[in-house]
């Protein structure tokens, strides 16, 4: 296992601090995109639960539109309101009843929620590091300006 090295940011020259800040900015952008992707996935899973609930509440002969693509639908009717094919990942589908299907989606939502909390914690840490770098960088710039004024 590799050892983590602590770097004294005060000892780094301004150019290295600027590069370090750029890296932290990129990491923050990456983690922010990942968090948004998790939230989008979570929203889609909640939509699945909502769809199950809405179908169970509907009348027996309700007409519906069945999506073939994101913009192409055909009319349809449900044969059963208790049997669902649930995508369990990598293109595999398992037949589940309504309650079990909701449980699968709830479990996935909970996992995404846990992952989202971890990402948020990482983002807080990265932002704290970024703020520290900015403070040190400002201080070094002020020191350099004072030195230049002193030389004049």
Foldseek 3Di string as FASTA:
>chain_A
DDDDDDDDLLPDDLVVLVVVLVVLVVVLVVLVVVLVVLVVVLVVLVVVLVVLVVLVPDDQFDWDWDDPDPPDTDIDGDPDSFWDWADLDPPHTDIGGSVVNNVSSVVSSVVSVVVSVVSVVVSVVSVVVSVVSVVSSVVNVVVVVVVVVVVD
